[in-house]
C-alpha atoms as a PDB file:
ATOM      1  CA  MET A   1    -151.561  23.393 -12.142  1.00  0.00           C
ATOM      2  CA  HIS A   2    -152.071  24.793 -15.676  1.00  0.00           C
ATOM      3  CA  ARG A   3    -153.420  21.504 -16.992  1.00  0.00           C
ATOM      4  CA  LYS A   4    -155.969  21.316 -14.161  1.00  0.00           C
ATOM      5  CA  ASN A   5    -157.242  24.852 -14.973  1.00  0.00           C
ATOM      6  CA  LEU A   6    -157.573  23.944 -18.650  1.00  0.00           C
ATOM      7  CA  LEU A   7    -159.465  20.763 -17.804  1.00  0.00           C
ATOM      8  CA  SER A   8    -161.823  22.712 -15.539  1.00  0.00           C
ATOM      9  CA  LEU A   9    -162.480  25.262 -18.263  1.00  0.00           C
ATOM     10  CA  PHE A  10    -163.249  22.461 -20.736  1.00  0.00           C
ATOM     11  CA  TRP A  11    -165.866  20.980 -18.369  1.00  0.00           C
ATOM     12  CA  LEU A  12    -167.463  24.390 -17.815  1.00  0.00           C
ATOM     13  CA  LEU A  13    -167.796  24.973 -21.550  1.00  0.00           C
ATOM     14  CA  MET A  14    -168.858  21.430 -22.496  1.00  0.00           C
ATOM     15  CA  PRO A  15    -172.670  22.070 -22.195  1.00  0.00           C
ATOM     16  CA  TYR A  16    -172.373  25.054 -24.576  1.00  0.00           C
ATOM     17  CA  LEU A  17    -170.405  23.028 -27.086  1.00  0.00           C
ATOM     18  CA  LEU A  18    -172.986  20.229 -27.016  1.00  0.00           C
ATOM     19  CA  TRP A  19    -175.862  22.703 -27.279  1.00  0.00           C
ATOM     20  CA  ALA A  20    -174.487  24.228 -30.468  1.00  0.00           C
ATOM     21  CA  GLN A  21    -176.178  22.728 -33.503  1.00  0.00           C
ATOM     22  CA  VAL A  22    -175.871  23.082 -37.201  1.00  0.00           C
ATOM     23  CA  THR A  23    -178.814  25.177 -38.429  1.00  0.00           C
ATOM     24  CA  GLY A  24    -179.752  26.553 -41.788  1.00  0.00           C
ATOM     25  CA  LYS A  25    -182.070  28.986 -43.424  1.00  0.00           C
ATOM     26  CA  ILE A  26    -184.433  29.025 -46.351  1.00  0.00           C
ATOM     27  CA  SER A  27    -184.563  32.242 -48.289  1.00  0.00           C
ATOM     28  CA  GLY A  28    -185.968  33.347 -51.595  1.00  0.00           C
ATOM     29  CA  ARG A  29    -187.860  35.874 -53.652  1.00  0.00           C
ATOM     30  CA  VAL A  30    -191.451  35.532 -54.781  1.00  0.00           C
ATOM     31  CA  VAL A  31    -192.427  37.167 -58.111  1.00  0.00           C
ATOM     32  CA  ASP A  32    -195.502  37.164 -60.367  1.00  0.00           C
ATOM     33  CA  ALA A  33    -195.121  34.459 -62.986  1.00  0.00           C
ATOM     34  CA  ASN A  34    -196.438  36.705 -65.825  1.00  0.00           C
ATOM     35  CA  SER A  35    -194.981  40.143 -65.087  1.00  0.00           C
ATOM     36  CA  GLY A  36    -191.920  39.210 -63.011  1.00  0.00           C
ATOM     37  CA  GLN A  37    -192.807  41.858 -60.488  1.00  0.00           C
ATOM     38  CA  PRO A  38    -191.989  41.119 -56.799  1.00  0.00           C
ATOM     39  CA  LEU A  39    -195.023  40.133 -54.618  1.00  0.00           C
ATOM     40  CA  PRO A  40    -195.085  41.679 -51.147  1.00  0.00           C
ATOM     41  CA  CYS A  41    -197.007  40.114 -48.208  1.00  0.00           C
ATOM     42  CA  VAL A  42    -197.007  36.579 -49.553  1.00  0.00           C
ATOM     43  CA  ASN A  43    -197.372  34.017 -46.761  1.00  0.00           C
ATOM     44  CA  VAL A  44    -194.651  31.379 -46.903  1.00  0.00           C
ATOM     45  CA  GLN A  45    -195.135  28.359 -44.592  1.00  0.00           C
ATOM     46  CA  ILE A  46    -193.244  25.128 -44.128  1.00  0.00           C
ATOM     47  CA  VAL A  47    -195.877  22.454 -44.660  1.00  0.00           C
ATOM     48  CA  GLY A  48    -196.563  20.412 -41.518  1.00  0.00           C
ATOM     49  CA  THR A  49    -195.085  22.973 -39.142  1.00  0.00           C
ATOM     50  CA  SER A  50    -196.010  26.347 -37.701  1.00  0.00           C
ATOM     51  CA  ARG A  51    -192.798  27.867 -39.104  1.00  0.00           C
ATOM     52  CA  GLY A  52    -193.000  30.470 -41.831  1.00  0.00           C
ATOM     53  CA  ALA A  53    -192.534  34.034 -42.945  1.00  0.00           C
ATOM     54  CA  SER A  54    -194.014  36.822 -45.051  1.00  0.00           C
ATOM     55  CA  THR A  55    -192.344  38.421 -48.052  1.00  0.00           C
ATOM     56  CA  ASP A  56    -191.165  42.048 -47.736  1.00  0.00           C
ATOM     57  CA  MET A  57    -191.831  44.830 -50.252  1.00  0.00           C
ATOM     58  CA  ASN A  58    -189.222  43.315 -52.587  1.00  0.00           C
ATOM     59  CA  GLY A  59    -190.854  39.900 -52.459  1.00  0.00           C
ATOM     60  CA  GLU A  60    -187.974  38.511 -50.404  1.00  0.00           C
ATOM     61  CA  PHE A  61    -188.329  36.140 -47.379  1.00  0.00           C
ATOM     62  CA  TYR A  62    -186.204  34.033 -45.088  1.00  0.00           C
ATOM     63  CA  ILE A  63    -186.843  31.452 -42.382  1.00  0.00           C
ATOM     64  CA  LEU A  64    -184.028  30.938 -39.877  1.00  0.00           C
ATOM     65  CA  ASN A  65    -182.857  28.242 -37.455  1.00  0.00           C
ATOM     66  CA  LEU A  66    -183.876  25.160 -39.455  1.00  0.00           C
ATOM     67  CA  GLN A  67    -182.440  21.676 -39.189  1.00  0.00           C
ATOM     68  CA  PRO A  68    -180.741  20.568 -42.410  1.00  0.00           C
ATOM     69  CA  GLY A  69    -183.093  18.601 -44.660  1.00  0.00           C
ATOM     70  CA  ALA A  70    -185.752  18.840 -47.315  1.00  0.00           C
ATOM     71  CA  TYR A  71    -188.838  20.934 -46.783  1.00  0.00           C
ATOM     72  CA  VAL A  72    -192.111  21.636 -48.676  1.00  0.00           C
ATOM     73  CA  LEU A  73    -193.079  25.300 -48.746  1.00  0.00           C
ATOM     74  CA  GLU A  74    -196.573  26.607 -49.342  1.00  0.00           C
ATOM     75  CA  PHE A  75    -196.979  30.075 -50.818  1.00  0.00           C
ATOM     76  CA  SER A  76    -200.340  31.827 -50.514  1.00  0.00           C
ATOM     77  CA  MET A  77    -201.685  35.314 -51.251  1.00  0.00           C
ATOM     78  CA  VAL A  78    -205.169  36.715 -51.789  1.00  0.00           C
ATOM     79  CA  GLY A  79    -205.884  36.814 -55.512  1.00  0.00           C
ATOM     80  CA  TYR A  80    -203.354  34.136 -56.337  1.00  0.00           C
ATOM     81  CA  GLN A  81    -203.451  30.351 -56.464  1.00  0.00           C
ATOM     82  CA  THR A  82    -201.711  28.630 -53.557  1.00  0.00           C
ATOM     83  CA  VAL A  83    -198.481  26.945 -54.650  1.00  0.00           C
ATOM     84  CA  ARG A  84    -196.442  24.183 -53.004  1.00  0.00           C
ATOM     85  CA  LEU A  85    -192.781  23.599 -53.755  1.00  0.00           C
END
């Protein structure tokens, strides 16, 4: 009887195990190239997607729940040249 209960529990949890995926995050800090001061409110976007973030008051940002891989980021802010990395 114990084995039957364990097997039933496995089948109930199977969809959740299959749904779990490996995800990652991109994080960083944006600073002025000349002064080294952090830049708040910089728009950071993953090129070719609608995913992105804005830097906080310390110039830090993070984008969560990404599939592992390589991404091109675009950084833009009024008064600065747009940069792609």
